[in-house]
Amino acid sequence: MAKSGQTEPGERPIPKHGGFRHLKSFQVAQLVYDVALRVCGTYIVRGSRTLWSKRHTS
């Protein structure tokens, strides 16, 4: 038996079939991204260097 937060040998933390879209953390991250995109589109002027720098920072 694996400790809490660990997987058994051969067991994958994310199923191979791509079930990550059902994970609550993925759904929340996607929601935050969508809201941030909408806020930026509403409050940042098109052509602004701020908008460009937000997209291209690592």
Foldseek 3Di string as FASTA:
>chain_A
DDDPPDDDVVDDPADPVGPVCVDPVNVVVVVVVVVVVVCCVVPPDPPDVVVVCVVPDD
